[in-house]
Amino acid sequence: MPVYMAECDLPGMAPEHVAESVERLRRACEQVAGGGPTVRHLQTLWVPADWRASYLFQARSAAAVEAVCRAAHVPFLRVVQVMEVVVSEGLKGRARDREA
């Protein structure tokens, strides 16, 4: 399943508020799924110097991630699909889905 990143500007947000947003997002994932795991929160990256957070989700679509963010009252700038880039010795690197 693809991985998406929700980019959020969170001016004035303290780390504990970011943690609360993660809990709201996880609850929203369960509610939006409605019986099937259509969106799963994977990780949150917080950049305090920029007041920015990036939330990573596994989901069927960007629209599903947007619905979760709205349900959790987490404002987002955009939701984009992301891929992990793996660089191994002897290889120039390759992009892959997170679970591949």
N, C-alpha and C. Protein backbone atom coordinates (compact mmCIF):
# COMPACT_ATOMS: atom_id res chain seq x y z
N MET A 1 0.85 -1.17 0.00
CA MET A 1 0.00 0.00 0.00
C MET A 1 0.90 1.24 0.00
N PRO A 2 0.54 2.28 -0.74
CA PRO A 2 1.37 3.48 -0.81
C PRO A 2 1.51 4.20 0.54
N VAL A 3 2.57 5.00 0.64
CA VAL A 3 2.81 5.82 1.83
C VAL A 3 2.64 7.28 1.43
N TYR A 4 1.94 8.03 2.27
CA TYR A 4 1.68 9.45 2.04
C TYR A 4 2.18 10.26 3.22
N MET A 5 2.56 11.51 2.92
CA MET A 5 3.01 12.43 3.95
C MET A 5 2.08 13.64 3.96
N ALA A 6 1.57 13.94 5.15
CA ALA A 6 0.79 15.16 5.34
C ALA A 6 1.74 16.19 5.95
N GLU A 7 1.97 17.27 5.23
CA GLU A 7 2.83 18.34 5.72
C GLU A 7 1.97 19.38 6.41
N CYS A 8 2.39 19.78 7.61
CA CYS A 8 1.60 20.70 8.41
C CYS A 8 2.47 21.80 8.99
N ASP A 9 1.99 23.04 8.89
CA ASP A 9 2.59 24.16 9.61
C ASP A 9 1.85 24.27 10.93
N LEU A 10 2.58 24.26 12.02
CA LEU A 10 1.96 24.29 13.34
C LEU A 10 2.62 25.37 14.20
N PRO A 11 2.44 26.64 13.83
CA PRO A 11 3.12 27.71 14.59
C PRO A 11 2.71 27.72 16.06
N GLY A 12 3.73 27.85 16.92
CA GLY A 12 3.48 27.91 18.35
C GLY A 12 3.20 26.56 19.00
N MET A 13 3.26 25.50 18.26
CA MET A 13 2.92 24.17 18.78
C MET A 13 4.06 23.62 19.63
N ALA A 14 3.75 23.20 20.83
CA ALA A 14 4.72 22.58 21.73
C ALA A 14 4.78 21.07 21.44
N PRO A 15 5.88 20.41 21.78
CA PRO A 15 6.00 18.98 21.52
C PRO A 15 4.83 18.16 22.09
N GLU A 16 4.33 18.53 23.28
CA GLU A 16 3.21 17.76 23.84
C GLU A 16 1.93 17.93 23.00
N HIS A 17 1.79 19.07 22.34
CA HIS A 17 0.64 19.26 21.46
C HIS A 17 0.77 18.42 20.19
N VAL A 18 2.01 18.27 19.73
CA VAL A 18 2.24 17.39 18.57
C VAL A 18 1.86 15.96 18.95
N ALA A 19 2.26 15.53 20.14
CA ALA A 19 1.90 14.18 20.61
C ALA A 19 0.38 14.02 20.68
N GLU A 20 -0.32 15.05 21.13
CA GLU A 20 -1.79 14.99 21.18
C GLU A 20 -2.36 14.88 19.77
N SER A 21 -1.76 15.59 18.81
CA SER A 21 -2.26 15.50 17.43
C SER A 21 -2.09 14.09 16.88
N VAL A 22 -1.00 13.43 17.26
CA VAL A 22 -0.78 12.05 16.83
C VAL A 22 -1.88 11.13 17.38
N GLU A 23 -2.23 11.32 18.64
CA GLU A 23 -3.32 10.51 19.23
C GLU A 23 -4.64 10.76 18.50
N ARG A 24 -4.93 12.02 18.19
CA ARG A 24 -6.16 12.34 17.44
C ARG A 24 -6.14 11.70 16.06
N LEU A 25 -4.98 11.72 15.42
CA LEU A 25 -4.86 11.11 14.09
C LEU A 25 -5.07 9.61 14.16
N ARG A 26 -4.50 8.97 15.17
CA ARG A 26 -4.66 7.51 15.30
C ARG A 26 -6.13 7.14 15.53
N ARG A 27 -6.82 7.93 16.36
CA ARG A 27 -8.26 7.68 16.58
C ARG A 27 -9.04 7.91 15.29
N ALA A 28 -8.67 8.95 14.56
CA ALA A 28 -9.36 9.25 13.31
C ALA A 28 -9.13 8.15 12.27
N CYS A 29 -7.93 7.56 12.27
CA CYS A 29 -7.66 6.44 11.36
C CYS A 29 -8.66 5.31 11.62
N GLU A 30 -8.89 5.00 12.89
CA GLU A 30 -9.83 3.93 13.25
C GLU A 30 -11.25 4.29 12.84
N GLN A 31 -11.65 5.54 13.05
CA GLN A 31 -13.01 5.97 12.72
C GLN A 31 -13.24 6.00 11.22
N VAL A 32 -12.29 6.55 10.48
CA VAL A 32 -12.45 6.67 9.03
C VAL A 32 -12.43 5.30 8.38
N ALA A 33 -11.65 4.38 8.94
CA ALA A 33 -11.55 3.03 8.36
C ALA A 33 -12.90 2.34 8.37
N GLY A 34 -13.68 2.53 9.41
CA GLY A 34 -15.00 1.92 9.48
C GLY A 34 -15.00 0.41 9.27
N GLY A 35 -14.09 -0.27 9.90
CA GLY A 35 -14.08 -1.73 9.80
C GLY A 35 -12.92 -2.28 8.99
N GLY A 36 -12.31 -1.46 8.15
CA GLY A 36 -11.17 -1.92 7.36
C GLY A 36 -10.01 -0.97 7.53
N PRO A 37 -8.80 -1.47 7.62
CA PRO A 37 -7.65 -0.59 7.85
C PRO A 37 -7.24 0.16 6.59
N THR A 38 -7.98 1.19 6.21
CA THR A 38 -7.66 1.92 4.99
C THR A 38 -6.57 2.97 5.18
N VAL A 39 -6.40 3.47 6.41
CA VAL A 39 -5.35 4.44 6.70
C VAL A 39 -4.68 4.03 8.00
N ARG A 40 -3.34 4.02 7.98
CA ARG A 40 -2.59 3.68 9.18
C ARG A 40 -1.48 4.71 9.39
N HIS A 41 -1.44 5.31 10.57
CA HIS A 41 -0.38 6.25 10.90
C HIS A 41 0.91 5.47 11.12
N LEU A 42 1.99 5.90 10.47
CA LEU A 42 3.27 5.20 10.58
C LEU A 42 4.27 5.92 11.46
N GLN A 43 4.38 7.24 11.26
CA GLN A 43 5.44 7.98 11.94
C GLN A 43 5.14 9.47 11.86
N THR A 44 5.67 10.21 12.82
CA THR A 44 5.57 11.67 12.80
C THR A 44 6.97 12.26 12.94
N LEU A 45 7.27 13.21 12.10
CA LEU A 45 8.54 13.94 12.16
C LEU A 45 8.21 15.38 12.54
N TRP A 46 8.80 15.88 13.63
CA TRP A 46 8.53 17.22 14.13
C TRP A 46 9.80 18.05 13.97
N VAL A 47 9.69 19.20 13.32
CA VAL A 47 10.82 20.10 13.12
C VAL A 47 10.52 21.38 13.91
N PRO A 48 10.91 21.42 15.19
CA PRO A 48 10.54 22.55 16.04
C PRO A 48 11.08 23.89 15.54
N ALA A 49 12.24 23.90 14.91
CA ALA A 49 12.81 25.16 14.42
C ALA A 49 11.93 25.80 13.35
N ASP A 50 11.18 24.98 12.63
CA ASP A 50 10.31 25.47 11.55
C ASP A 50 8.83 25.42 11.91
N TRP A 51 8.52 24.92 13.11
CA TRP A 51 7.11 24.73 13.51
C TRP A 51 6.37 23.87 12.49
N ARG A 52 7.01 22.83 12.02
CA ARG A 52 6.44 22.00 10.98
C ARG A 52 6.46 20.54 11.40
N ALA A 53 5.40 19.84 11.04
CA ALA A 53 5.33 18.40 11.29
C ALA A 53 5.00 17.69 9.98
N SER A 54 5.56 16.52 9.82
CA SER A 54 5.24 15.66 8.69
C SER A 54 4.74 14.35 9.27
N TYR A 55 3.51 14.01 8.92
CA TYR A 55 2.89 12.78 9.39
C TYR A 55 2.90 11.78 8.25
N LEU A 56 3.41 10.59 8.48
CA LEU A 56 3.46 9.55 7.46
C LEU A 56 2.34 8.55 7.69
N PHE A 57 1.65 8.21 6.61
CA PHE A 57 0.53 7.28 6.66
C PHE A 57 0.66 6.25 5.55
N GLN A 58 0.17 5.07 5.83
CA GLN A 58 -0.02 4.07 4.80
C GLN A 58 -1.51 4.13 4.46
N ALA A 59 -1.82 4.32 3.18
CA ALA A 59 -3.22 4.51 2.79
C ALA A 59 -3.41 4.15 1.33
N ARG A 60 -4.67 3.98 0.96
CA ARG A 60 -5.01 3.68 -0.43
C ARG A 60 -4.97 4.92 -1.32
N SER A 61 -5.14 6.12 -0.70
CA SER A 61 -5.16 7.34 -1.49
C SER A 61 -4.83 8.55 -0.63
N ALA A 62 -4.43 9.63 -1.29
CA ALA A 62 -4.19 10.89 -0.59
C ALA A 62 -5.50 11.41 0.00
N ALA A 63 -6.60 11.19 -0.70
CA ALA A 63 -7.90 11.66 -0.21
C ALA A 63 -8.25 11.01 1.13
N ALA A 64 -7.88 9.76 1.31
CA ALA A 64 -8.15 9.08 2.57
C ALA A 64 -7.34 9.71 3.71
N VAL A 65 -6.10 10.09 3.43
CA VAL A 65 -5.26 10.74 4.44
C VAL A 65 -5.83 12.13 4.76
N GLU A 66 -6.26 12.85 3.75
CA GLU A 66 -6.87 14.16 3.97
C GLU A 66 -8.10 14.04 4.86
N ALA A 67 -8.91 13.01 4.64
CA ALA A 67 -10.11 12.80 5.46
C ALA A 67 -9.73 12.55 6.92
N VAL A 68 -8.67 11.79 7.15
CA VAL A 68 -8.21 11.52 8.51
C VAL A 68 -7.73 12.81 9.17
N CYS A 69 -6.95 13.60 8.45
CA CYS A 69 -6.45 14.86 9.02
C CYS A 69 -7.60 15.80 9.36
N ARG A 70 -8.58 15.87 8.50
CA ARG A 70 -9.74 16.73 8.78
C ARG A 70 -10.50 16.22 10.01
N ALA A 71 -10.70 14.92 10.09
CA ALA A 71 -11.43 14.34 11.22
C ALA A 71 -10.69 14.57 12.53
N ALA A 72 -9.36 14.62 12.47
CA ALA A 72 -8.54 14.83 13.68
C ALA A 72 -8.29 16.31 13.95
N HIS A 73 -8.81 17.17 13.11
CA HIS A 73 -8.61 18.62 13.24
C HIS A 73 -7.12 18.98 13.19
N VAL A 74 -6.42 18.33 12.25
CA VAL A 74 -5.00 18.61 12.02
C VAL A 74 -4.90 19.31 10.66
N PRO A 75 -4.61 20.62 10.66
CA PRO A 75 -4.53 21.34 9.40
C PRO A 75 -3.30 20.92 8.60
N PHE A 76 -3.46 20.75 7.31
CA PHE A 76 -2.34 20.32 6.49
C PHE A 76 -2.17 21.26 5.30
N LEU A 77 -0.92 21.40 4.86
CA LEU A 77 -0.62 22.19 3.67
C LEU A 77 -0.86 21.37 2.41
N ARG A 78 -0.43 20.12 2.48
CA ARG A 78 -0.62 19.20 1.34
C ARG A 78 -0.41 17.78 1.81
N VAL A 79 -0.91 16.86 1.00
CA VAL A 79 -0.69 15.43 1.22
C VAL A 79 -0.10 14.89 -0.08
N VAL A 80 1.08 14.28 0.03
CA VAL A 80 1.77 13.77 -1.15
C VAL A 80 2.25 12.36 -0.91
N GLN A 81 2.34 11.59 -1.99
CA GLN A 81 2.87 10.24 -1.89
C GLN A 81 4.39 10.34 -1.76
N VAL A 82 4.96 9.52 -0.90
CA VAL A 82 6.41 9.51 -0.70
C VAL A 82 6.93 8.09 -0.89
N MET A 83 8.21 8.01 -1.20
CA MET A 83 8.87 6.72 -1.34
C MET A 83 10.19 6.77 -0.59
N GLU A 84 10.57 5.66 -0.03
CA GLU A 84 11.83 5.55 0.66
C GLU A 84 12.92 5.30 -0.37
N VAL A 85 14.06 5.98 -0.23
CA VAL A 85 15.19 5.77 -1.12
C VAL A 85 16.24 4.97 -0.36
N VAL A 86 16.59 3.82 -0.90
CA VAL A 86 17.53 2.92 -0.25
C VAL A 86 18.85 2.99 -1.02
N VAL A 87 19.91 3.28 -0.30
CA VAL A 87 21.23 3.33 -0.92
C VAL A 87 22.08 2.25 -0.27
N SER A 88 22.54 1.33 -1.08
CA SER A 88 23.37 0.24 -0.58
C SER A 88 24.76 0.36 -1.19
N GLU A 89 25.73 -0.18 -0.49
CA GLU A 89 27.08 -0.17 -1.02
C GLU A 89 27.10 -0.88 -2.36
N GLY A 90 27.70 -0.28 -3.35
CA GLY A 90 27.77 -0.89 -4.67
C GLY A 90 26.57 -0.56 -5.54
N LEU A 91 25.56 0.08 -4.98
CA LEU A 91 24.39 0.47 -5.76
C LEU A 91 24.29 1.99 -5.76
N LYS A 92 23.73 2.54 -6.80
CA LYS A 92 23.55 3.98 -6.85
C LYS A 92 22.33 4.42 -6.07
N GLY A 93 21.49 3.49 -5.69
CA GLY A 93 20.29 3.83 -4.94
C GLY A 93 19.06 3.52 -5.77
N ARG A 94 17.96 3.29 -5.08
CA ARG A 94 16.70 3.00 -5.75
C ARG A 94 15.56 3.42 -4.84
N ALA A 95 14.48 3.80 -5.45
CA ALA A 95 13.29 4.16 -4.69
C ALA A 95 12.44 2.92 -4.53
N ARG A 96 11.76 2.82 -3.41
CA ARG A 96 10.89 1.67 -3.20
C ARG A 96 9.76 2.06 -2.26
N ASP A 97 8.67 1.31 -2.36
CA ASP A 97 7.60 1.49 -1.38
C ASP A 97 8.13 1.00 -0.04
N ARG A 98 7.59 1.56 1.03
CA ARG A 98 8.07 1.27 2.39
C ARG A 98 8.04 -0.23 2.70
N GLU A 99 7.05 -0.96 2.22
CA GLU A 99 6.91 -2.39 2.55
C GLU A 99 7.61 -3.30 1.55
N ALA A 100 8.09 -2.74 0.45
CA ALA A 100 8.68 -3.59 -0.59
C ALA A 100 9.97 -4.23 -0.12
